[in-house]
PDB file of N, CA and C in Angstrom:
ATOM      1  N   GLY A   1      -7.594   4.405  11.734  1.00  0.00           N
ATOM      2  CA  GLY A   1      -7.679   3.019  11.370  1.00  0.00           C
ATOM      3  C   GLY A   1      -6.304   2.381  11.266  1.00  0.00           C
ATOM      4  N   VAL A   2      -6.310   1.144  10.914  1.00  0.00           N
ATOM      5  CA  VAL A   2      -5.083   0.368  10.732  1.00  0.00           C
ATOM      6  C   VAL A   2      -4.537   0.641   9.340  1.00  0.00           C
ATOM      7  N   PRO A   3      -3.304   1.136   9.230  1.00  0.00           N
ATOM      8  CA  PRO A   3      -2.745   1.404   7.904  1.00  0.00           C
ATOM      9  C   PRO A   3      -2.546   0.109   7.121  1.00  0.00           C
ATOM     10  N   THR A   4      -2.994   0.133   5.871  1.00  0.00           N
ATOM     11  CA  THR A   4      -2.907  -1.048   5.013  1.00  0.00           C
ATOM     12  C   THR A   4      -2.438  -0.620   3.636  1.00  0.00           C
ATOM     13  N   MET A   5      -1.526  -1.375   3.069  1.00  0.00           N
ATOM     14  CA  MET A   5      -1.022  -1.122   1.719  1.00  0.00           C
ATOM     15  C   MET A   5      -1.406  -2.327   0.876  1.00  0.00           C
ATOM     16  N   ILE A   6      -2.111  -2.080  -0.238  1.00  0.00           N
ATOM     17  CA  ILE A   6      -2.496  -3.142  -1.163  1.00  0.00           C
ATOM     18  C   ILE A   6      -1.835  -2.835  -2.499  1.00  0.00           C
ATOM     19  N   TYR A   7      -1.044  -3.776  -2.988  1.00  0.00           N
ATOM     20  CA  TYR A   7      -0.381  -3.630  -4.280  1.00  0.00           C
ATOM     21  C   TYR A   7      -1.055  -4.581  -5.255  1.00  0.00           C
ATOM     22  N   ARG A   8      -1.585  -4.036  -6.355  1.00  0.00           N
ATOM     23  CA  ARG A   8      -2.236  -4.852  -7.381  1.00  0.00           C
ATOM     24  C   ARG A   8      -1.548  -4.603  -8.709  1.00  0.00           C
ATOM     25  N   SER A   9      -0.787  -5.576  -9.187  1.00  0.00           N
ATOM     26  CA  SER A   9      -0.151  -5.403 -10.497  1.00  0.00           C
ATOM     27  C   SER A   9      -1.111  -5.795 -11.615  1.00  0.00           C
ATOM     28  N   THR A  10      -2.077  -6.666 -11.307  1.00  0.00           N
ATOM     29  CA  THR A  10      -3.145  -7.037 -12.245  1.00  0.00           C
ATOM     30  C   THR A  10      -4.411  -7.257 -11.413  1.00  0.00           C
ATOM     31  N   ASP A  11      -5.490  -7.629 -12.060  1.00  0.00           N
ATOM     32  CA  ASP A  11      -6.729  -7.924 -11.339  1.00  0.00           C
ATOM     33  C   ASP A  11      -6.791  -9.366 -10.856  1.00  0.00           C
ATOM     34  N   GLN A  12      -5.746 -10.143 -11.091  1.00  0.00           N
ATOM     35  CA  GLN A  12      -5.717 -11.533 -10.643  1.00  0.00           C
ATOM     36  C   GLN A  12      -5.405 -11.590  -9.152  1.00  0.00           C
ATOM     37  N   GLN A  13      -6.122 -12.438  -8.415  1.00  0.00           N
ATOM     38  CA  GLN A  13      -5.920 -12.567  -6.975  1.00  0.00           C
ATOM     39  C   GLN A  13      -4.464 -12.895  -6.627  1.00  0.00           C
ATOM     40  N   ALA A  14      -3.821 -13.716  -7.427  1.00  0.00           N
ATOM     41  CA  ALA A  14      -2.430 -14.116  -7.148  1.00  0.00           C
ATOM     42  C   ALA A  14      -1.454 -12.952  -7.270  1.00  0.00           C
ATOM     43  N   ASP A  15      -1.849 -11.875  -7.942  1.00  0.00           N
ATOM     44  CA  ASP A  15      -0.967 -10.727  -8.141  1.00  0.00           C
ATOM     45  C   ASP A  15      -1.228  -9.595  -7.149  1.00  0.00           C
ATOM     46  N   ARG A  16      -1.954  -9.867  -6.080  1.00  0.00           N
ATOM     47  CA  ARG A  16      -2.240  -8.870  -5.049  1.00  0.00           C
ATOM     48  C   ARG A  16      -1.423  -9.177  -3.800  1.00  0.00           C
ATOM     49  N   VAL A  17      -0.809  -8.138  -3.276  1.00  0.00           N
ATOM     50  CA  VAL A  17      -0.031  -8.268  -2.041  1.00  0.00           C
ATOM     51  C   VAL A  17      -0.568  -7.232  -1.068  1.00  0.00           C
ATOM     52  N   SER A  18      -0.808  -7.638   0.160  1.00  0.00           N
ATOM     53  CA  SER A  18      -1.347  -6.732   1.161  1.00  0.00           C
ATOM     54  C   SER A  18      -0.451  -6.747   2.393  1.00  0.00           C
ATOM     55  N   LEU A  19      -0.126  -5.561   2.891  1.00  0.00           N
ATOM     56  CA  LEU A  19       0.621  -5.411   4.143  1.00  0.00           C
ATOM     57  C   LEU A  19      -0.196  -4.512   5.050  1.00  0.00           C
ATOM     58  N   ALA A  20      -0.279  -4.854   6.334  1.00  0.00           N
ATOM     59  CA  ALA A  20      -1.077  -4.052   7.259  1.00  0.00           C
ATOM     60  C   ALA A  20      -0.398  -3.974   8.613  1.00  0.00           C
ATOM     61  N   GLY A  21      -0.615  -2.847   9.270  1.00  0.00           N
ATOM     62  CA  GLY A  21      -0.153  -2.703  10.640  1.00  0.00           C
ATOM     63  C   GLY A  21      -0.983  -3.582  11.557  1.00  0.00           C
ATOM     64  N   LYS A  22      -0.580  -3.684  12.795  1.00  0.00           N
ATOM     65  CA  LYS A  22      -1.311  -4.514  13.762  1.00  0.00           C
ATOM     66  C   LYS A  22      -2.300  -3.697  14.597  1.00  0.00           C
ATOM     67  N   VAL A  23      -2.083  -2.390  14.695  1.00  0.00           N
ATOM     68  CA  VAL A  23      -2.945  -1.537  15.507  1.00  0.00           C
ATOM     69  C   VAL A  23      -3.310  -0.279  14.719  1.00  0.00           C
ATOM     70  N   ALA A  24      -4.404   0.341  15.147  1.00  0.00           N
ATOM     71  CA  ALA A  24      -4.835   1.593  14.528  1.00  0.00           C
ATOM     72  C   ALA A  24      -3.863   2.705  14.883  1.00  0.00           C
ATOM     73  N   LEU A  25      -3.705   3.646  13.978  1.00  0.00           N
ATOM     74  CA  LEU A  25      -2.854   4.802  14.241  1.00  0.00           C
ATOM     75  C   LEU A  25      -3.525   5.725  15.250  1.00  0.00           C
ATOM     76  N   SER A  26      -2.734   6.345  16.089  1.00  0.00           N
ATOM     77  CA  SER A  26      -3.256   7.334  17.025  1.00  0.00           C
ATOM     78  C   SER A  26      -3.609   8.599  16.246  1.00  0.00           C
ATOM     79  N   PRO A  27      -4.476   9.447  16.794  1.00  0.00           N
ATOM     80  CA  PRO A  27      -4.782  10.709  16.112  1.00  0.00           C
ATOM     81  C   PRO A  27      -3.518  11.539  15.916  1.00  0.00           C
ATOM     82  N   GLY A  28      -3.493  12.330  14.853  1.00  0.00           N
ATOM     83  CA  GLY A  28      -2.349  13.191  14.588  1.00  0.00           C
ATOM     84  C   GLY A  28      -1.625  12.793  13.323  1.00  0.00           C
ATOM     85  N   ALA A  29      -0.544  13.517  13.059  1.00  0.00           N
ATOM     86  CA  ALA A  29       0.226  13.307  11.833  1.00  0.00           C
ATOM     87  C   ALA A  29       1.088  12.053  11.926  1.00  0.00           C
ATOM     88  N   HIS A  30       1.211  11.354  10.818  1.00  0.00           N
ATOM     89  CA  HIS A  30       2.045  10.158  10.711  1.00  0.00           C
ATOM     90  C   HIS A  30       2.703  10.137   9.343  1.00  0.00           C
ATOM     91  N   GLU A  31       3.851   9.493   9.266  1.00  0.00           N
ATOM     92  CA  GLU A  31       4.514   9.285   7.987  1.00  0.00           C
ATOM     93  C   GLU A  31       4.346   7.819   7.613  1.00  0.00           C
ATOM     94  N   VAL A  32       3.697   7.579   6.483  1.00  0.00           N
ATOM     95  CA  VAL A  32       3.477   6.225   5.971  1.00  0.00           C
ATOM     96  C   VAL A  32       4.316   6.096   4.713  1.00  0.00           C
ATOM     97  N   ARG A  33       5.210   5.113   4.705  1.00  0.00           N
ATOM     98  CA  ARG A  33       6.090   4.895   3.557  1.00  0.00           C
ATOM     99  C   ARG A  33       5.971   3.450   3.107  1.00  0.00           C
ATOM    100  N   PHE A  34       6.051   3.247   1.807  1.00  0.00           N
ATOM    101  CA  PHE A  34       6.125   1.888   1.275  1.00  0.00           C
ATOM    102  C   PHE A  34       7.022   1.913   0.060  1.00  0.00           C
ATOM    103  N   GLY A  35       7.519   0.753  -0.292  1.00  0.00           N
ATOM    104  CA  GLY A  35       8.397   0.688  -1.442  1.00  0.00           C
ATOM    105  C   GLY A  35       8.688  -0.740  -1.833  1.00  0.00           C
ATOM    106  N   VAL A  36       9.490  -0.858  -2.846  1.00  0.00           N
ATOM    107  CA  VAL A  36       9.925  -2.157  -3.343  1.00  0.00           C
ATOM    108  C   VAL A  36      11.441  -2.170  -3.299  1.00  0.00           C
ATOM    109  N   SER A  37      11.999  -3.139  -2.620  1.00  0.00           N
ATOM    110  CA  SER A  37      13.451  -3.311  -2.626  1.00  0.00           C
ATOM    111  C   SER A  37      13.778  -4.503  -3.523  1.00  0.00           C
ATOM    112  N   MET A  38      14.958  -4.441  -4.119  1.00  0.00           N
ATOM    113  CA  MET A  38      15.358  -5.511  -5.029  1.00  0.00           C
ATOM    114  C   MET A  38      16.691  -6.093  -4.584  1.00  0.00           C
ATOM    115  N   ASP A  39      16.771  -7.400  -4.635  1.00  0.00           N
ATOM    116  CA  ASP A  39      18.003  -8.120  -4.357  1.00  0.00           C
ATOM    117  C   ASP A  39      18.190  -9.085  -5.524  1.00  0.00           C
ATOM    118  N   GLY A  40      18.963  -8.670  -6.501  1.00  0.00           N
ATOM    119  CA  GLY A  40      19.056  -9.455  -7.726  1.00  0.00           C
ATOM    120  C   GLY A  40      17.742  -9.355  -8.468  1.00  0.00           C
ATOM    121  N   LYS A  41      17.104 -10.491  -8.727  1.00  0.00           N
ATOM    122  CA  LYS A  41      15.799 -10.490  -9.384  1.00  0.00           C
ATOM    123  C   LYS A  41      14.655 -10.559  -8.387  1.00  0.00           C
ATOM    124  N   ALA A  42      14.947 -10.778  -7.120  1.00  0.00           N
ATOM    125  CA  ALA A  42      13.901 -10.878  -6.098  1.00  0.00           C
ATOM    126  C   ALA A  42      13.437  -9.488  -5.675  1.00  0.00           C
ATOM    127  N   ARG A  43      12.120  -9.302  -5.634  1.00  0.00           N
ATOM    128  CA  ARG A  43      11.532  -8.032  -5.203  1.00  0.00           C
ATOM    129  C   ARG A  43      10.780  -8.236  -3.895  1.00  0.00           C
ATOM    130  N   THR A  44      10.888  -7.256  -3.023  1.00  0.00           N
ATOM    131  CA  THR A  44      10.183  -7.304  -1.744  1.00  0.00           C
ATOM    132  C   THR A  44       9.434  -5.999  -1.533  1.00  0.00           C
ATOM    133  N   LEU A  45       8.138  -6.100  -1.251  1.00  0.00           N
ATOM    134  CA  LEU A  45       7.326  -4.938  -0.918  1.00  0.00           C
ATOM    135  C   LEU A  45       7.454  -4.701   0.582  1.00  0.00           C
ATOM    136  N   TRP A  46       7.628  -3.446   1.007  1.00  0.00           N
ATOM    137  CA  TRP A  46       7.778  -3.150   2.433  1.00  0.00           C
ATOM    138  C   TRP A  46       6.900  -1.971   2.820  1.00  0.00           C
ATOM    139  N   LEU A  47       6.560  -1.912   4.122  1.00  0.00           N
ATOM    140  CA  LEU A  47       5.716  -0.858   4.674  1.00  0.00           C
ATOM    141  C   LEU A  47       6.345  -0.346   5.956  1.00  0.00           C
ATOM    142  N   GLU A  48       6.399   0.980   6.107  1.00  0.00           N
ATOM    143  CA  GLU A  48       6.942   1.643   7.297  1.00  0.00           C
ATOM    144  C   GLU A  48       5.932   2.663   7.796  1.00  0.00           C
ATOM    145  N   ILE A  49       5.783   2.761   9.103  1.00  0.00           N
ATOM    146  CA  ILE A  49       4.947   3.777   9.727  1.00  0.00           C
ATOM    147  C   ILE A  49       5.818   4.524  10.726  1.00  0.00           C
ATOM    148  N   ASP A  50       5.920   5.824  10.556  1.00  0.00           N
ATOM    149  CA  ASP A  50       6.714   6.668  11.458  1.00  0.00           C
ATOM    150  C   ASP A  50       8.122   6.124  11.677  1.00  0.00           C
ATOM    151  N   GLY A  51       8.744   5.634  10.582  1.00  0.00           N
ATOM    152  CA  GLY A  51      10.113   5.139  10.642  1.00  0.00           C
ATOM    153  C   GLY A  51      10.259   3.729  11.177  1.00  0.00           C
ATOM    154  N   LYS A  52       9.158   3.075  11.545  1.00  0.00           N
ATOM    155  CA  LYS A  52       9.210   1.710  12.081  1.00  0.00           C
ATOM    156  C   LYS A  52       8.751   0.723  11.007  1.00  0.00           C
ATOM    157  N   HIS A  53       9.575  -0.310  10.777  1.00  0.00           N
ATOM    158  CA  HIS A  53       9.239  -1.344   9.799  1.00  0.00           C
ATOM    159  C   HIS A  53       8.003  -2.105  10.281  1.00  0.00           C
ATOM    160  N   ILE A  54       6.967  -2.144   9.459  1.00  0.00           N
ATOM    161  CA  ILE A  54       5.717  -2.812   9.807  1.00  0.00           C
ATOM    162  C   ILE A  54       5.666  -4.225   9.229  1.00  0.00           C
ATOM    163  N   GLY A  55       6.155  -4.377   8.014  1.00  0.00           N
ATOM    164  CA  GLY A  55       6.117  -5.692   7.397  1.00  0.00           C
ATOM    165  C   GLY A  55       6.667  -5.654   5.988  1.00  0.00           C
ATOM    166  N   SER A  56       6.850  -6.851   5.446  1.00  0.00           N
ATOM    167  CA  SER A  56       7.312  -6.987   4.071  1.00  0.00           C
ATOM    168  C   SER A  56       6.776  -8.295   3.516  1.00  0.00           C
ATOM    169  N   ALA A  57       6.743  -8.379   2.193  1.00  0.00           N
ATOM    170  CA  ALA A  57       6.246  -9.586   1.529  1.00  0.00           C
ATOM    171  C   ALA A  57       6.900  -9.690   0.165  1.00  0.00           C
ATOM    172  N   PRO A  58       7.120 -10.928  -0.304  1.00  0.00           N
ATOM    173  CA  PRO A  58       7.677 -11.097  -1.645  1.00  0.00           C
ATOM    174  C   PRO A  58       6.717 -10.548  -2.689  1.00  0.00           C
ATOM    175  N   LEU A  59       7.266  -9.925  -3.694  1.00  0.00           N
ATOM    176  CA  LEU A  59       6.482  -9.374  -4.786  1.00  0.00           C
ATOM    177  C   LEU A  59       6.842 -10.166  -6.032  1.00  0.00           C
ATOM    178  N   LEU A  60       5.948 -11.053  -6.432  1.00  0.00           N
ATOM    179  CA  LEU A  60       6.239 -11.954  -7.545  1.00  0.00           C
ATOM    180  C   LEU A  60       6.132 -11.252  -8.897  1.00  0.00           C
ATOM    181  N   ARG A  61       5.230 -10.285  -8.991  1.00  0.00           N
ATOM    182  CA  ARG A  61       5.055  -9.568 -10.251  1.00  0.00           C
ATOM    183  C   ARG A  61       4.941  -8.085  -9.934  1.00  0.00           C
ATOM    184  N   ALA A  62       5.696  -7.285 -10.642  1.00  0.00           N
ATOM    185  CA  ALA A  62       5.632  -5.841 -10.457  1.00  0.00           C
ATOM    186  C   ALA A  62       5.338  -5.190 -11.801  1.00  0.00           C
ATOM    187  N   ALA A  63       4.665  -4.065 -11.741  1.00  0.00           N
ATOM    188  CA  ALA A  63       4.350  -3.328 -12.957  1.00  0.00           C
ATOM    189  C   ALA A  63       4.520  -1.845 -12.684  1.00  0.00           C
ATOM    190  N   ARG A  64       4.987  -1.114 -13.679  1.00  0.00           N
ATOM    191  CA  ARG A  64       5.047   0.346 -13.532  1.00  0.00           C
ATOM    192  C   ARG A  64       3.620   0.854 -13.475  1.00  0.00           C
ATOM    193  N   PRO A  65       3.350   1.797 -12.610  1.00  0.00           N
ATOM    194  CA  PRO A  65       1.984   2.305 -12.486  1.00  0.00           C
ATOM    195  C   PRO A  65       1.491   2.918 -13.791  1.00  0.00           C
ATOM    196  N   ALA A  66       0.249   2.635 -14.094  1.00  0.00           N
ATOM    197  CA  ALA A  66      -0.385   3.238 -15.264  1.00  0.00           C
ATOM    198  C   ALA A  66      -1.253   4.397 -14.788  1.00  0.00           C
ATOM    199  N   ALA A  67      -1.357   5.392 -15.607  1.00  0.00           N
ATOM    200  CA  ALA A  67      -2.205   6.534 -15.225  1.00  0.00           C
ATOM    201  C   ALA A  67      -3.659   6.113 -15.357  1.00  0.00           C
ATOM    202  N   PRO A  68      -4.496   6.435 -14.436  1.00  0.00           N
ATOM    203  CA  PRO A  68      -4.177   7.125 -13.187  1.00  0.00           C
ATOM    204  C   PRO A  68      -3.773   6.132 -12.102  1.00  0.00           C
ATOM    205  N   SER A  69      -3.019   6.590 -11.129  1.00  0.00           N
ATOM    206  CA  SER A  69      -2.689   5.818  -9.931  1.00  0.00           C
ATOM    207  C   SER A  69      -3.455   6.444  -8.775  1.00  0.00           C
ATOM    208  N   TYR A  70      -3.856   5.641  -7.805  1.00  0.00           N
ATOM    209  CA  TYR A  70      -4.694   6.142  -6.725  1.00  0.00           C
ATOM    210  C   TYR A  70      -4.056   5.940  -5.363  1.00  0.00           C
ATOM    211  N   VAL A  71      -4.220   6.911  -4.514  1.00  0.00           N
ATOM    212  CA  VAL A  71      -3.890   6.802  -3.098  1.00  0.00           C
ATOM    213  C   VAL A  71      -5.231   6.879  -2.395  1.00  0.00           C
ATOM    214  N   GLY A  72      -5.607   5.821  -1.729  1.00  0.00           N
ATOM    215  CA  GLY A  72      -6.933   5.767  -1.122  1.00  0.00           C
ATOM    216  C   GLY A  72      -7.852   4.974  -2.013  1.00  0.00           C
ATOM    217  N   ARG A  73      -8.896   5.602  -2.513  1.00  0.00           N
ATOM    218  CA  ARG A  73      -9.889   4.910  -3.327  1.00  0.00           C
ATOM    219  C   ARG A  73     -10.204   5.692  -4.586  1.00  0.00           C
ATOM    220  N   ALA A  74     -10.572   4.965  -5.610  1.00  0.00           N
ATOM    221  CA  ALA A  74     -11.002   5.593  -6.854  1.00  0.00           C
ATOM    222  C   ALA A  74     -12.525   5.635  -6.942  1.00  0.00           C
ATOM    223  N   SER A  75     -13.209   4.793  -6.162  1.00  0.00           N
ATOM    224  CA  SER A  75     -14.672   4.711  -6.208  1.00  0.00           C
ATOM    225  C   SER A  75     -15.155   4.053  -4.928  1.00  0.00           C
ATOM    226  N   ASP A  76     -16.432   3.724  -4.889  1.00  0.00           N
ATOM    227  CA  ASP A  76     -16.960   3.008  -3.724  1.00  0.00           C
ATOM    228  C   ASP A  76     -16.741   1.506  -3.820  1.00  0.00           C
ATOM    229  N   ALA A  77     -16.185   1.032  -4.922  1.00  0.00           N
ATOM    230  CA  ALA A  77     -15.889  -0.394  -5.058  1.00  0.00           C
ATOM    231  C   ALA A  77     -14.696  -0.744  -4.178  1.00  0.00           C
ATOM    232  N   PRO A  78     -14.760  -1.882  -3.468  1.00  0.00           N
ATOM    233  CA  PRO A  78     -13.623  -2.257  -2.618  1.00  0.00           C
ATOM    234  C   PRO A  78     -12.400  -2.596  -3.458  1.00  0.00           C
ATOM    235  N   LEU A  79     -11.214  -2.321  -2.896  1.00  0.00           N
ATOM    236  CA  LEU A  79      -9.977  -2.672  -3.588  1.00  0.00           C
ATOM    237  C   LEU A  79      -9.784  -4.176  -3.630  1.00  0.00           C
ATOM    238  N   ILE A  80     -10.225  -4.834  -2.588  1.00  0.00           N
ATOM    239  CA  ILE A  80     -10.186  -6.293  -2.543  1.00  0.00           C
ATOM    240  C   ILE A  80     -11.543  -6.778  -2.055  1.00  0.00           C
ATOM    241  N   GLU A  81     -11.936  -7.947  -2.507  1.00  0.00           N
ATOM    242  CA  GLU A  81     -13.271  -8.452  -2.220  1.00  0.00           C
ATOM    243  C   GLU A  81     -13.546  -8.654  -0.738  1.00  0.00           C
ATOM    244  N   ASP A  82     -12.523  -9.025   0.028  1.00  0.00           N
ATOM    245  CA  ASP A  82     -12.743  -9.336   1.438  1.00  0.00           C
ATOM    246  C   ASP A  82     -12.447  -8.161   2.370  1.00  0.00           C
ATOM    247  N   SER A  83     -12.453  -6.929   1.833  1.00  0.00           N
ATOM    248  CA  SER A  83     -12.154  -5.784   2.684  1.00  0.00           C
ATOM    249  C   SER A  83     -13.306  -5.537   3.651  1.00  0.00           C
ATOM    250  N   ALA A  84     -12.940  -5.166   4.868  1.00  0.00           N
ATOM    251  CA  ALA A  84     -13.943  -4.904   5.891  1.00  0.00           C
ATOM    252  C   ALA A  84     -14.569  -3.540   5.646  1.00  0.00           C
ATOM    253  N   VAL A  85     -15.819  -3.420   5.986  1.00  0.00           N
ATOM    254  CA  VAL A  85     -16.518  -2.148   5.847  1.00  0.00           C
ATOM    255  C   VAL A  85     -16.655  -1.550   7.235  1.00  0.00           C
ATOM    256  N   PRO A  86     -16.373  -0.289   7.503  1.00  0.00           N
ATOM    257  CA  PRO A  86     -15.919   0.662   6.499  1.00  0.00           C
ATOM    258  C   PRO A  86     -14.415   0.564   6.291  1.00  0.00           C
ATOM    259  N   ASP A  87     -13.971   0.770   5.076  1.00  0.00           N
ATOM    260  CA  ASP A  87     -12.545   0.742   4.772  1.00  0.00           C
ATOM    261  C   ASP A  87     -12.092   2.050   4.146  1.00  0.00           C
ATOM    262  N   ARG A  88     -12.847   3.097   4.396  1.00  0.00           N
ATOM    263  CA  ARG A  88     -12.555   4.410   3.823  1.00  0.00           C
ATOM    264  C   ARG A  88     -11.772   5.261   4.827  1.00  0.00           C
ATOM    265  N   PHE A  89     -10.715   5.897   4.339  1.00  0.00           N
ATOM    266  CA  PHE A  89      -9.925   6.813   5.155  1.00  0.00           C
ATOM    267  C   PHE A  89     -10.652   8.150   5.207  1.00  0.00           C
ATOM    268  N   GLU A  90     -10.958   8.614   6.389  1.00  0.00           N
ATOM    269  CA  GLU A  90     -11.724   9.856   6.548  1.00  0.00           C
ATOM    270  C   GLU A  90     -10.839  11.035   6.946  1.00  0.00           C
ATOM    271  N   GLY A  91      -9.525  10.830   7.016  1.00  0.00           N
ATOM    272  CA  GLY A  91      -8.614  11.887   7.443  1.00  0.00           C
ATOM    273  C   GLY A  91      -8.154  12.760   6.292  1.00  0.00           C
ATOM    274  N   GLU A  92      -7.034  13.385   6.501  1.00  0.00           N
ATOM    275  CA  GLU A  92      -6.461  14.306   5.528  1.00  0.00           C
ATOM    276  C   GLU A  92      -5.050  13.848   5.183  1.00  0.00           C
ATOM    277  N   ILE A  93      -4.709  13.867   3.914  1.00  0.00           N
ATOM    278  CA  ILE A  93      -3.366  13.516   3.464  1.00  0.00           C
ATOM    279  C   ILE A  93      -2.695  14.807   3.022  1.00  0.00           C
ATOM    280  N   ASP A  94      -1.608  15.178   3.710  1.00  0.00           N
ATOM    281  CA  ASP A  94      -0.938  16.439   3.420  1.00  0.00           C
ATOM    282  C   ASP A  94      -0.014  16.362   2.217  1.00  0.00           C
ATOM    283  N   GLN A  95       0.631  15.213   1.996  1.00  0.00           N
ATOM    284  CA  GLN A  95       1.603  15.126   0.917  1.00  0.00           C
ATOM    285  C   GLN A  95       1.724  13.702   0.446  1.00  0.00           C
ATOM    286  N   VAL A  96       1.840  13.542  -0.876  1.00  0.00           N
ATOM    287  CA  VAL A  96       2.106  12.247  -1.494  1.00  0.00           C
ATOM    288  C   VAL A  96       3.236  12.455  -2.479  1.00  0.00           C
ATOM    289  N   THR A  97       4.294  11.641  -2.371  1.00  0.00           N
ATOM    290  CA  THR A  97       5.401  11.692  -3.305  1.00  0.00           C
ATOM    291  C   THR A  97       5.559  10.325  -3.928  1.00  0.00           C
ATOM    292  N   MET A  98       5.569  10.267  -5.258  1.00  0.00           N
ATOM    293  CA  MET A  98       5.773   9.009  -5.966  1.00  0.00           C
ATOM    294  C   MET A  98       7.010   9.148  -6.831  1.00  0.00           C
ATOM    295  N   ASP A  99       7.915   8.195  -6.732  1.00  0.00           N
ATOM    296  CA  ASP A  99       9.139   8.212  -7.520  1.00  0.00           C
ATOM    297  C   ASP A  99       9.218   6.881  -8.245  1.00  0.00           C
ATOM    298  N   PHE A 100       9.099   6.901  -9.543  1.00  0.00           N
ATOM    299  CA  PHE A 100       9.088   5.672 -10.325  1.00  0.00           C
ATOM    300  C   PHE A 100      10.373   5.495 -11.112  1.00  0.00           C
ATOM    301  N   ALA A 101      11.446   6.063 -10.604  1.00  0.00           N
ATOM    302  CA  ALA A 101      12.735   5.922 -11.275  1.00  0.00           C
ATOM    303  C   ALA A 101      13.152   4.460 -11.268  1.00  0.00           C
ATOM    304  N   PRO A 102      13.808   4.014 -12.324  1.00  0.00           N
ATOM    305  CA  PRO A 102      14.247   2.602 -12.378  1.00  0.00           C
ATOM    306  C   PRO A 102      15.283   2.279 -11.330  1.00  0.00           C
TER     307      PRO A 102
END
């Protein structure tokens, strides 16, 4: 499928940021990276696939993740109301690294 990153700092629609690739990933292993860069007080969310910059968006509100944090889905409820069905990843994730250092 098309890799998509959804950042939700709260349940308010205005606090959701979504970044997505333009095409579906080919079969096989891929490296998906995302992060937040800071320039002064401005924050930018970014997404990379296999070392290629896919997109970025301003992040107006950021929050440190609260336990638990999820990669993929926590339930059958959609992450966002307008998500297309099916939106479930059926592959395998070999490694997830989270670094929340300031």
